[in-house]
């Protein structure tokens, strides 16, 4: 009989129960760092305020919106802040990321939008490219395009509430 333990397959445990590895930077970061759930809790920490400021600068730099008077009888989409802690491969904290997002679930189909589409690459395509690179000994590089989603073109006119603060 082959058991899971023979192959080193074990059920994962919550980090709080792993007293023997609490000295790990990843475990420490997970236990100590809490992500704010909203704007009020984020304003209590200078690191999250700086992350929100960076997001606002990126939105202004990319001319994401124009401030206009509130139109009468138009659906206004709400906004909120979403906060995430980004970690390095060793588990230490890389940076704090705050994103201003629209509450898209308040949009009305046919009125606020017609189609939704998000370009994504298939996992099989990534595997083919990686296997070609390995077999031909091509060098691999990785890059991150900050705020890449801000470069898309929105064909509809969407009215969104100003973010809090």
Protein backbone atom coordinates (compact mmCIF):
# COMPACT_ATOMS: atom_id res chain seq x y z
CA UNK A 1 0.00 0.00 0.00
CA UNK A 2 1.33 3.41 -0.98
CA UNK A 3 0.54 6.22 1.42
CA UNK A 4 0.69 9.96 1.02
CA UNK A 5 3.37 10.14 3.71
CA UNK A 6 5.67 7.97 1.59
CA UNK A 7 5.73 10.70 -1.04
CA UNK A 8 5.91 13.54 1.47
CA UNK A 9 2.34 14.68 0.89
CA UNK A 10 0.86 16.14 4.05
CA UNK A 11 -2.18 18.24 4.86
CA UNK A 12 -1.21 21.90 5.19
CA UNK A 13 -1.47 23.57 8.56
CA UNK A 14 -2.31 27.14 9.44
CA UNK A 15 0.90 29.17 10.04
CA UNK A 16 -0.14 29.92 13.63
CA UNK A 17 0.14 26.20 14.47
CA UNK A 18 3.67 25.86 13.11
CA UNK A 19 5.58 26.92 16.22
CA UNK A 20 8.82 25.36 14.99
CA UNK A 21 9.10 27.68 11.99
CA UNK A 22 7.74 30.95 13.39
CA UNK A 23 11.19 32.43 12.85
CA UNK A 24 10.63 32.23 9.09
CA UNK A 25 10.22 35.69 7.48
CA UNK A 26 7.18 34.51 5.53
CA UNK A 27 5.41 33.15 8.60
CA UNK A 28 6.31 36.27 10.56
CA UNK A 29 4.97 38.53 7.79
CA UNK A 30 1.75 36.52 7.51
CA UNK A 31 1.14 36.62 11.24
CA UNK A 32 2.11 40.26 11.80
CA UNK A 33 0.86 41.96 8.63
CA UNK A 34 -2.82 42.57 8.25
CA UNK A 35 -4.30 44.14 5.17
CA UNK A 36 -6.81 46.92 5.76
CA UNK A 37 -10.38 46.16 4.73
CA UNK A 38 -11.28 49.74 3.86
CA UNK A 39 -10.17 53.34 3.61
CA UNK A 40 -10.50 54.20 7.30
CA UNK A 41 -8.33 51.35 8.50
CA UNK A 42 -5.75 52.04 5.76
CA UNK A 43 -5.34 55.68 6.83
CA UNK A 44 -4.06 54.55 10.23
CA UNK A 45 -0.84 53.17 8.69
CA UNK A 46 1.66 55.43 6.85
CA UNK A 47 2.76 52.55 4.59
CA UNK A 48 -0.78 52.10 3.26
CA UNK A 49 -1.19 55.88 2.87
CA UNK A 50 1.96 55.92 0.72
CA UNK A 51 0.62 53.01 -1.36
CA UNK A 52 -2.67 54.85 -1.94
CA UNK A 53 -0.75 58.00 -2.87
CA UNK A 54 1.30 56.02 -5.43
CA UNK A 55 -1.91 54.64 -6.96
CA UNK A 56 -3.46 58.11 -7.21
CA UNK A 57 -0.29 59.46 -8.87
CA UNK A 58 -0.39 56.64 -11.43
CA UNK A 59 -4.07 57.31 -12.15
CA UNK A 60 -3.40 61.02 -12.66
CA UNK A 61 -0.27 60.40 -14.76
CA UNK A 62 -2.21 58.12 -17.11
CA UNK A 63 -5.13 60.59 -17.37
CA UNK A 64 -7.50 57.86 -16.27
CA UNK A 65 -10.42 60.17 -15.60
CA UNK A 66 -11.80 63.69 -15.85
CA UNK A 67 -13.62 65.33 -12.96
CA UNK A 68 -17.09 66.36 -14.15
CA UNK A 69 -20.25 67.56 -12.42
CA UNK A 70 -22.49 64.71 -11.33
CA UNK A 71 -24.91 64.04 -14.22
CA UNK A 72 -28.61 63.75 -13.50
CA UNK A 73 -30.30 60.34 -13.96
CA UNK A 74 -27.08 58.48 -14.76
CA UNK A 75 -25.82 55.34 -13.05
CA UNK A 76 -22.85 56.28 -10.87
CA UNK A 77 -20.48 53.40 -10.15
CA UNK A 78 -19.03 53.34 -6.66
CA UNK A 79 -15.35 52.99 -5.84
CA UNK A 80 -13.32 51.38 -3.10
CA UNK A 81 -9.73 50.70 -2.11
CA UNK A 82 -8.32 47.17 -2.27
CA UNK A 83 -5.05 46.60 -0.40
CA UNK A 84 -2.56 43.77 -0.80
CA UNK A 85 0.82 43.02 0.76
CA UNK A 86 3.37 41.83 -1.82
CA UNK A 87 6.09 39.43 -0.67
CA UNK A 88 9.54 38.53 -1.97
CA UNK A 89 10.47 34.91 -2.66
CA UNK A 90 12.10 34.59 0.78
CA UNK A 91 8.85 35.63 2.46
CA UNK A 92 9.86 39.13 3.48
CA UNK A 93 7.61 42.06 2.61
CA UNK A 94 8.40 43.64 -0.77
CA UNK A 95 5.86 46.46 -0.77
CA UNK A 96 2.30 47.43 -0.01
CA UNK A 97 -0.05 47.76 -3.00
CA UNK A 98 -3.30 49.73 -2.94
CA UNK A 99 -5.66 49.68 -5.93
CA UNK A 100 -8.61 51.94 -6.50
CA UNK A 101 -11.30 49.80 -8.07
CA UNK A 102 -14.76 50.48 -9.43
CA UNK A 103 -17.66 48.57 -7.98
CA UNK A 104 -18.50 47.07 -11.36
CA UNK A 105 -21.31 44.98 -9.94
CA UNK A 106 -23.41 48.17 -9.82
CA UNK A 107 -23.21 48.61 -13.59
CA UNK A 108 -26.26 47.82 -15.67
CA UNK A 109 -25.85 45.51 -18.71
CA UNK A 110 -26.79 47.20 -21.96
CA UNK A 111 -26.73 50.63 -20.34
CA UNK A 112 -23.24 50.89 -18.83
CA UNK A 113 -21.57 48.19 -20.92
CA UNK A 114 -22.25 45.74 -23.73
CA UNK A 115 -19.45 43.16 -23.59
CA UNK A 116 -16.84 42.29 -21.01
CA UNK A 117 -13.46 40.97 -21.99
CA UNK A 118 -10.18 40.48 -20.20
CA UNK A 119 -7.27 39.27 -22.34
CA UNK A 120 -5.57 36.33 -20.67
CA UNK A 121 -2.92 33.94 -21.88
CA UNK A 122 -3.66 30.23 -21.70
CA UNK A 123 -1.47 28.16 -19.40
CA UNK A 124 -0.73 25.79 -22.29
CA UNK A 125 0.70 28.70 -24.31
CA UNK A 126 3.05 29.62 -21.46
CA UNK A 127 4.19 25.99 -21.18
CA UNK A 128 4.90 25.81 -24.93
CA UNK A 129 6.96 29.02 -24.84
CA UNK A 130 8.90 27.81 -21.79
CA UNK A 131 9.58 24.40 -23.34
CA UNK A 132 10.81 26.07 -26.55
CA UNK A 133 13.09 28.33 -24.53
CA UNK A 134 14.54 25.38 -22.62
CA UNK A 135 15.03 23.19 -25.69
CA UNK A 136 16.72 25.99 -27.66
CA UNK A 137 18.64 27.30 -24.61
CA UNK A 138 17.13 30.76 -25.00
CA UNK A 139 17.62 33.12 -22.07
CA UNK A 140 14.44 33.86 -20.14
CA UNK A 141 13.55 37.26 -18.72
CA UNK A 142 10.70 38.42 -16.57
CA UNK A 143 9.27 41.91 -16.28
CA UNK A 144 6.42 43.65 -14.58
CA UNK A 145 4.53 46.47 -16.25
CA UNK A 146 3.25 48.64 -13.44
CA UNK A 147 -0.33 49.77 -13.87
CA UNK A 148 -0.60 48.00 -17.24
CA UNK A 149 -4.39 47.84 -16.92
CA UNK A 150 -4.54 51.66 -17.07
CA UNK A 151 -3.34 51.65 -20.67
CA UNK A 152 -6.49 50.07 -22.10
CA UNK A 153 -9.09 52.02 -24.05
CA UNK A 154 -12.58 52.27 -22.60
CA UNK A 155 -15.19 52.80 -25.31
CA UNK A 156 -18.11 53.47 -22.96
CA UNK A 157 -18.57 56.53 -20.78
CA UNK A 158 -18.56 55.43 -17.16
CA UNK A 159 -19.25 57.72 -14.23
CA UNK A 160 -17.55 56.72 -11.00
CA UNK A 161 -17.72 58.28 -7.57
CA UNK A 162 -14.60 59.99 -6.32
CA UNK A 163 -12.61 57.82 -3.95
CA UNK A 164 -12.83 58.56 -0.24
CA UNK A 165 -10.22 60.94 1.09
